[in-house]
């Protein structure tokens, strides 16, 4: 009987692992497509512009989107292409009689994707604008200066999007919440994590710290796996440094996660002249997304405690969640390890 139960348990875990692998493979492809494209237009003379166009690469192929300028605009130099590991970079010089102000740029094919395009325009008179183009409206009109509100709004949204779709970072925060039960200590722990990744995000963005992408991403996955194992040890009543000093562990791993945020910010691109503003807005967006996640989890737990029928479900969920986190982190670790 015991042998049969063990076989049944093993079968369940095998089916769960297979389902998770399929879901993660699908999620991975989807997540890659959600990386934004980047368009930068800098005026070098009246009517003449340097154009930088970066499109993300999906499954080895650039996203099928293209720029279409207003009639009369022509290439002074032909597009020079450069293939990067995660994107295709195109540079060229264009001429627009009368200038681009008041004209429209279409991004052909964007409506068939789920990708946004961050656009930065620097005019010859020194005015600039930054905007985010969505698939629902795949075009933009070049207007006069929109100021710091436009820049901060675009990067604030990018920060929120990154943390809410950064499942690895969210799982790390969830594991911290499983370890720290007291609200006050949880506040200190989340604050320590925030301070740490804010430090390395700023240092990496300013070029003072650098770590290669694949080892960094694998290390982040490993940090989640280690934290999940600490949750299991705590549930078994074993001594744990994380249980005694959760803020210290959160700060240490937060330094690593901050480099991951910087990598995402680098893939978006920073607007010239607005780097401090973009950095602060992106970091605030990350914190807002993280805070929203914590509040949603706490609200769900509070609601579950009010429903007596859900007591056993909550207990079962609390016991199995670290194993699910560990399985996901292990999958990500070996997947990223394979890209070295």
Protein backbone atom coordinates (compact mmCIF):
# COMPACT_ATOMS: atom_id res chain seq x y z
CA UNK A 1 0.00 0.00 0.00
CA UNK A 2 2.84 2.38 0.94
CA UNK A 3 4.64 1.49 -2.29
CA UNK A 4 1.53 2.29 -4.32
CA UNK A 5 1.09 5.62 -2.57
CA UNK A 6 4.71 6.53 -3.25
CA UNK A 7 4.30 5.67 -6.93
CA UNK A 8 1.15 7.80 -7.09
CA UNK A 9 2.95 10.72 -5.42
CA UNK A 10 5.87 10.42 -7.83
CA UNK A 11 3.47 10.35 -10.77
CA UNK A 12 1.75 13.50 -9.53
CA UNK A 13 5.07 15.32 -9.17
CA UNK A 14 6.13 14.19 -12.66
CA UNK A 15 2.89 15.47 -14.17
CA UNK A 16 3.23 18.76 -12.25
CA UNK A 17 6.83 19.20 -13.47
CA UNK A 18 5.80 18.53 -17.07
CA UNK A 19 2.96 21.05 -16.86
CA UNK A 20 5.22 23.65 -15.30
CA UNK A 21 7.84 23.12 -18.03
CA UNK A 22 5.24 23.66 -20.74
CA UNK A 23 3.86 26.75 -19.04
CA UNK A 24 7.32 28.20 -18.49
CA UNK A 25 8.34 27.59 -22.08
CA UNK A 26 5.24 29.43 -23.24
CA UNK A 27 5.74 32.20 -20.70
CA UNK A 28 9.38 32.56 -21.71
CA UNK A 29 8.52 33.14 -25.35
CA UNK A 30 5.79 35.59 -24.41
CA UNK A 31 8.06 37.46 -21.97
CA UNK A 32 10.73 37.91 -24.63
CA UNK A 33 8.22 39.48 -27.01
CA UNK A 34 7.15 41.96 -24.36
CA UNK A 35 10.60 43.54 -24.31
CA UNK A 36 10.13 47.01 -25.75
CA UNK A 37 11.64 48.29 -28.95
CA UNK A 38 13.55 51.56 -28.84
CA UNK A 39 13.65 54.44 -31.32
CA UNK A 40 15.96 57.41 -30.89
CA UNK A 41 15.94 60.38 -33.27
CA UNK A 42 18.52 63.15 -32.84
CA UNK A 43 18.57 66.27 -35.00
CA UNK A 44 22.09 67.13 -36.22
CA UNK A 45 21.12 69.98 -38.58
CA UNK A 46 17.87 71.57 -39.75
CA UNK A 47 15.91 68.76 -41.39
CA UNK A 48 18.63 66.12 -40.83
CA UNK A 49 18.46 63.42 -38.15
CA UNK A 50 20.46 60.50 -36.80
CA UNK A 51 18.14 57.51 -36.27
CA UNK A 52 18.79 54.58 -33.92
CA UNK A 53 16.24 51.75 -34.13
CA UNK A 54 16.48 48.74 -31.84
CA UNK A 55 14.06 45.81 -32.18
CA UNK A 56 14.00 42.78 -29.85
CA UNK A 57 14.92 39.34 -31.18
CA UNK A 58 12.38 36.55 -30.63
CA UNK A 59 13.45 32.93 -31.20
CA UNK A 60 16.45 34.08 -33.19
CA UNK A 61 14.45 36.43 -35.44
CA UNK A 62 13.92 40.20 -35.13
CA UNK A 63 10.38 41.26 -34.34
CA UNK A 64 8.66 41.96 -37.71
CA UNK A 65 8.11 45.68 -37.25
CA UNK A 66 9.45 48.55 -39.37
CA UNK A 67 9.57 52.35 -39.43
CA UNK A 68 7.65 54.39 -41.98
CA UNK A 69 8.42 58.10 -42.05
CA UNK A 70 6.32 60.82 -43.66
CA UNK A 71 6.37 61.34 -47.41
CA UNK A 72 9.40 63.18 -48.66
CA UNK A 73 11.70 61.78 -45.99
CA UNK A 74 14.67 59.92 -47.47
CA UNK A 75 17.83 58.15 -46.32
CA UNK A 76 21.05 60.13 -46.46
CA UNK A 77 22.93 56.98 -45.45
CA UNK A 78 21.66 53.45 -45.85
CA UNK A 79 20.73 51.54 -42.66
CA UNK A 80 23.73 49.94 -40.94
CA UNK A 81 22.68 46.79 -39.08
CA UNK A 82 24.31 45.22 -36.03
CA UNK A 83 23.11 41.96 -34.49
CA UNK A 84 23.17 41.81 -30.69
CA UNK A 85 22.36 38.82 -28.49
CA UNK A 86 18.84 40.04 -27.72
CA UNK A 87 18.10 42.68 -30.34
CA UNK A 88 18.84 44.05 -33.80
CA UNK A 89 20.37 47.53 -33.92
CA UNK A 90 19.94 49.79 -36.95
CA UNK A 91 21.55 53.19 -37.51
CA UNK A 92 21.00 55.62 -40.38
CA UNK A 93 20.79 59.30 -41.25
CA UNK A 94 17.60 60.73 -42.75
CA UNK A 95 16.62 64.03 -44.34
CA UNK A 96 13.14 65.51 -43.91
CA UNK A 97 12.38 68.70 -45.87
CA UNK A 98 10.81 71.09 -43.40
CA UNK A 99 11.76 68.88 -40.45
CA UNK A 100 9.95 66.10 -38.60
CA UNK A 101 7.96 68.37 -36.27
CA UNK A 102 4.25 67.88 -36.95
CA UNK A 103 4.81 64.74 -39.05
CA UNK A 104 3.76 61.20 -38.28
CA UNK A 105 5.91 58.08 -37.94
CA UNK A 106 4.14 54.74 -38.43
CA UNK A 107 5.50 51.55 -36.90
CA UNK A 108 4.30 48.98 -39.40
CA UNK A 109 3.41 45.59 -37.92
CA UNK A 110 3.36 46.75 -34.29
CA UNK A 111 -0.39 46.19 -34.01
CA UNK A 112 0.17 42.43 -34.49
CA UNK A 113 2.47 42.22 -31.42
CA UNK A 114 2.31 42.87 -27.68
CA UNK A 115 5.45 45.03 -27.80
CA UNK A 116 5.68 48.70 -26.86
CA UNK A 117 8.13 51.11 -28.46
CA UNK A 118 9.93 53.71 -26.39
CA UNK A 119 10.62 56.77 -28.56
CA UNK A 120 13.08 59.54 -27.73
CA UNK A 121 13.27 62.60 -30.03
CA UNK A 122 15.87 65.38 -29.72
CA UNK A 123 15.16 68.39 -31.94
CA UNK A 124 17.71 70.80 -33.39
CA UNK A 125 16.62 73.63 -31.08
CA UNK A 126 17.39 71.49 -28.03
CA UNK A 127 13.80 70.54 -27.25
CA UNK A 128 13.10 66.88 -26.67
CA UNK A 129 10.26 64.45 -26.06
CA UNK A 130 9.92 60.88 -24.85
CA UNK A 131 6.84 58.76 -25.41
CA UNK A 132 5.68 55.17 -25.38
CA UNK A 133 3.92 53.79 -28.47
CA UNK A 134 1.49 50.90 -27.91
CA UNK A 135 0.23 48.27 -30.39
CA UNK A 136 -3.27 49.72 -30.06
CA UNK A 137 -2.00 52.94 -31.65
CA UNK A 138 1.10 52.00 -33.69
CA UNK A 139 2.16 55.49 -34.67
CA UNK A 140 3.29 58.77 -33.16
CA UNK A 141 3.30 62.41 -34.10
CA UNK A 142 6.48 64.39 -33.53
CA UNK A 143 5.52 67.33 -31.36
CA UNK A 144 7.24 70.06 -29.40
CA UNK A 145 8.97 69.45 -26.09
CA UNK A 146 6.87 67.49 -23.61
CA UNK A 147 9.24 67.93 -20.69
CA UNK A 148 10.15 65.86 -17.69
CA UNK A 149 6.62 64.55 -17.12
CA UNK A 150 6.73 62.58 -20.36
CA UNK A 151 10.13 61.04 -19.55
CA UNK A 152 9.23 60.14 -15.97
CA UNK A 153 5.84 58.72 -17.00
CA UNK A 154 7.34 56.44 -19.64
CA UNK A 155 10.06 55.04 -17.35
CA UNK A 156 7.70 54.79 -14.39
CA UNK A 157 5.50 52.46 -16.42
CA UNK A 158 8.52 50.45 -17.55
CA UNK A 159 9.52 49.94 -13.92
CA UNK A 160 6.04 48.74 -12.96
CA UNK A 161 5.82 46.46 -15.99
CA UNK A 162 9.25 44.96 -15.32
CA UNK A 163 8.53 43.96 -11.72
CA UNK A 164 5.00 42.70 -12.40
CA UNK A 165 6.20 40.56 -15.31
CA UNK A 166 9.47 39.67 -13.57
CA UNK A 167 8.20 36.44 -12.04
CA UNK A 168 11.59 35.55 -10.58
CA UNK A 169 11.77 38.77 -8.54
CA UNK A 170 8.18 38.35 -7.37
CA UNK A 171 8.85 34.78 -6.23
CA UNK A 172 11.80 36.03 -4.21
CA UNK A 173 9.57 38.58 -2.47
CA UNK A 174 6.91 35.89 -1.89
CA UNK A 175 9.51 33.61 -0.28
CA UNK A 176 10.51 36.46 2.04
CA UNK A 177 6.88 36.85 3.03
CA UNK A 178 6.68 33.13 3.87
CA UNK A 179 9.66 33.47 6.20
CA UNK A 180 8.75 36.74 7.91
CA UNK A 181 5.37 36.59 9.64
CA UNK A 182 5.53 39.78 11.73
CA UNK A 183 4.37 42.89 9.88
CA UNK A 184 7.04 45.16 11.34
CA UNK A 185 9.89 42.78 10.51
CA UNK A 186 8.42 42.22 7.04
CA UNK A 187 8.47 45.98 6.50
CA UNK A 188 12.15 46.14 7.48
CA UNK A 189 12.98 43.15 5.29
CA UNK A 190 11.27 44.51 2.18
CA UNK A 191 12.88 47.90 2.84
CA UNK A 192 16.33 46.27 3.02
CA UNK A 193 15.68 44.49 -0.28
CA UNK A 194 14.54 47.78 -1.83
CA UNK A 195 17.56 49.75 -0.61
CA UNK A 196 19.98 47.07 -1.83
CA UNK A 197 18.63 46.72 -5.35
CA UNK A 198 18.29 50.50 -5.64
CA UNK A 199 22.04 50.82 -4.93
CA UNK A 200 23.18 48.30 -7.54
CA UNK A 201 20.60 49.52 -10.05
CA UNK A 202 22.10 53.02 -9.86
CA UNK A 203 25.73 51.79 -9.90
CA UNK A 204 25.17 49.48 -12.87
CA UNK A 205 23.18 52.05 -14.84
CA UNK A 206 25.95 54.62 -14.37
CA UNK A 207 28.52 52.07 -15.58
CA UNK A 208 30.32 51.68 -12.23
CA UNK A 209 29.43 47.99 -11.82
CA UNK A 210 29.02 45.36 -14.52
CA UNK A 211 28.20 41.65 -14.51
CA UNK A 212 27.62 39.46 -17.57
CA UNK A 213 23.94 38.73 -18.27
CA UNK A 214 23.78 34.88 -18.27
CA UNK A 215 25.70 34.38 -14.98
CA UNK A 216 23.68 37.16 -13.40
CA UNK A 217 20.31 35.68 -14.38
CA UNK A 218 21.40 32.20 -13.24
CA UNK A 219 22.56 33.63 -9.90
CA UNK A 220 19.20 35.33 -9.39
CA UNK A 221 17.42 32.01 -9.97
CA UNK A 222 19.82 30.33 -7.52
CA UNK A 223 19.06 32.98 -4.88
CA UNK A 224 15.36 32.13 -5.16
CA UNK A 225 16.11 28.41 -4.83
CA UNK A 226 18.22 29.00 -1.71
CA UNK A 227 15.51 31.14 -0.16
CA UNK A 228 12.87 28.46 -0.90
CA UNK A 229 15.05 25.89 0.90
CA UNK A 230 15.23 28.26 3.88
CA UNK A 231 11.42 28.37 3.99
CA UNK A 232 11.31 24.56 4.12
CA UNK A 233 13.90 24.48 6.92
CA UNK A 234 11.86 26.99 8.88
CA UNK A 235 8.70 24.93 8.43
CA UNK A 236 10.56 21.90 9.81
CA UNK A 237 11.57 23.87 12.91
CA UNK A 238 15.28 23.92 12.00
CA UNK A 239 17.61 26.81 12.83
CA UNK A 240 18.01 29.31 10.02
CA UNK A 241 20.05 32.48 9.58
CA UNK A 242 17.32 33.84 7.31
CA UNK A 243 14.74 33.41 10.08
CA UNK A 244 16.96 35.26 12.58
CA UNK A 245 18.17 38.05 10.29
CA UNK A 246 15.82 38.16 7.29
CA UNK A 247 16.67 41.80 6.51
CA UNK A 248 20.38 40.94 6.14
CA UNK A 249 19.66 38.10 3.71
CA UNK A 250 17.20 40.29 1.79
CA UNK A 251 19.80 43.07 1.54
CA UNK A 252 22.52 40.69 0.33
CA UNK A 253 20.40 39.12 -2.38
CA UNK A 254 18.85 42.50 -3.19
CA UNK A 255 22.26 43.68 -4.43
CA UNK A 256 22.16 40.86 -6.96
CA UNK A 257 18.58 41.53 -8.05
CA UNK A 258 19.39 45.21 -8.56
CA UNK A 259 21.89 44.22 -11.26
CA UNK A 260 19.05 42.31 -12.92
CA UNK A 261 16.88 45.43 -12.91
CA UNK A 262 19.78 47.38 -14.43
CA UNK A 263 20.07 44.81 -17.21
CA UNK A 264 16.39 45.29 -18.04
CA UNK A 265 16.79 49.06 -17.99
CA UNK A 266 19.80 48.80 -20.31
CA UNK A 267 17.75 46.78 -22.81
CA UNK A 268 15.19 49.61 -22.89
CA UNK A 269 17.82 52.28 -23.36
CA UNK A 270 18.29 55.53 -21.45
CA UNK A 271 17.47 58.92 -23.00
CA UNK A 272 20.43 61.23 -23.35
CA UNK A 273 20.28 64.15 -20.96
CA UNK A 274 17.55 62.50 -18.89
CA UNK A 275 19.48 59.60 -17.34
CA UNK A 276 19.01 60.62 -13.65
CA UNK A 277 15.30 61.30 -14.18
CA UNK A 278 14.75 58.04 -16.09
CA UNK A 279 16.68 56.07 -13.45
CA UNK A 280 14.67 57.51 -10.55
CA UNK A 281 11.34 57.03 -12.37
CA UNK A 282 12.17 53.42 -13.29
CA UNK A 283 13.18 52.62 -9.71
CA UNK A 284 10.00 54.20 -8.32
CA UNK A 285 8.00 52.11 -10.81
CA UNK A 286 9.73 48.96 -9.58
CA UNK A 287 8.90 49.84 -5.98
CA UNK A 288 5.27 50.62 -6.76
CA UNK A 289 4.88 47.28 -8.56
CA UNK A 290 6.58 45.44 -5.71
CA UNK A 291 4.41 47.19 -3.10
CA UNK A 292 1.27 46.35 -5.09
CA UNK A 293 2.29 42.68 -5.16
CA UNK A 294 2.92 42.58 -1.39
CA UNK A 295 -0.42 44.26 -0.65
CA UNK A 296 -2.30 41.83 -2.92
CA UNK A 297 -0.71 38.81 -1.22
CA UNK A 298 -1.48 40.19 2.26
CA UNK A 299 -5.05 40.98 1.23
CA UNK A 300 -5.56 37.45 -0.13
CA UNK A 301 -4.21 35.93 3.11
CA UNK A 302 -6.43 38.18 5.23
CA UNK A 303 -9.46 37.23 3.15
CA UNK A 304 -8.63 33.54 3.37
CA UNK A 305 -8.42 33.71 7.18
CA UNK A 306 -11.95 35.12 7.29
CA UNK A 307 -13.29 32.11 5.39
CA UNK A 308 -13.28 29.13 7.72
CA UNK A 309 -13.69 26.64 4.89
CA UNK A 310 -10.41 27.92 3.42
CA UNK A 311 -8.32 27.25 6.57
CA UNK A 312 -7.09 23.84 5.44
CA UNK A 313 -6.48 25.18 1.93
CA UNK A 314 -4.34 28.01 3.31
CA UNK A 315 -2.38 25.57 5.46
CA UNK A 316 -1.82 23.26 2.48
CA UNK A 317 -0.86 26.17 0.27
CA UNK A 318 1.63 27.51 2.81
CA UNK A 319 3.26 24.06 3.04
CA UNK A 320 3.51 23.44 -0.71
CA UNK A 321 4.33 26.95 -1.95
CA UNK A 322 8.09 26.77 -1.15
CA UNK A 323 8.35 23.53 -3.14
CA UNK A 324 6.64 25.14 -6.12
CA UNK A 325 8.98 28.14 -5.83
CA UNK A 326 11.95 25.78 -5.62
CA UNK A 327 10.86 23.84 -8.73
CA UNK A 328 10.42 27.03 -10.74
CA UNK A 329 13.75 28.43 -9.53
CA UNK A 330 15.52 25.17 -10.39
CA UNK A 331 14.04 25.22 -13.88
CA UNK A 332 15.16 28.81 -14.43
CA UNK A 333 18.64 28.08 -13.02
CA UNK A 334 19.37 25.18 -15.37
CA UNK A 335 17.71 26.94 -18.31
CA UNK A 336 19.91 30.01 -17.80
CA UNK A 337 22.96 27.90 -17.05
CA UNK A 338 22.58 26.38 -20.51
CA UNK A 339 23.03 29.81 -22.10
CA UNK A 340 26.56 30.30 -20.73
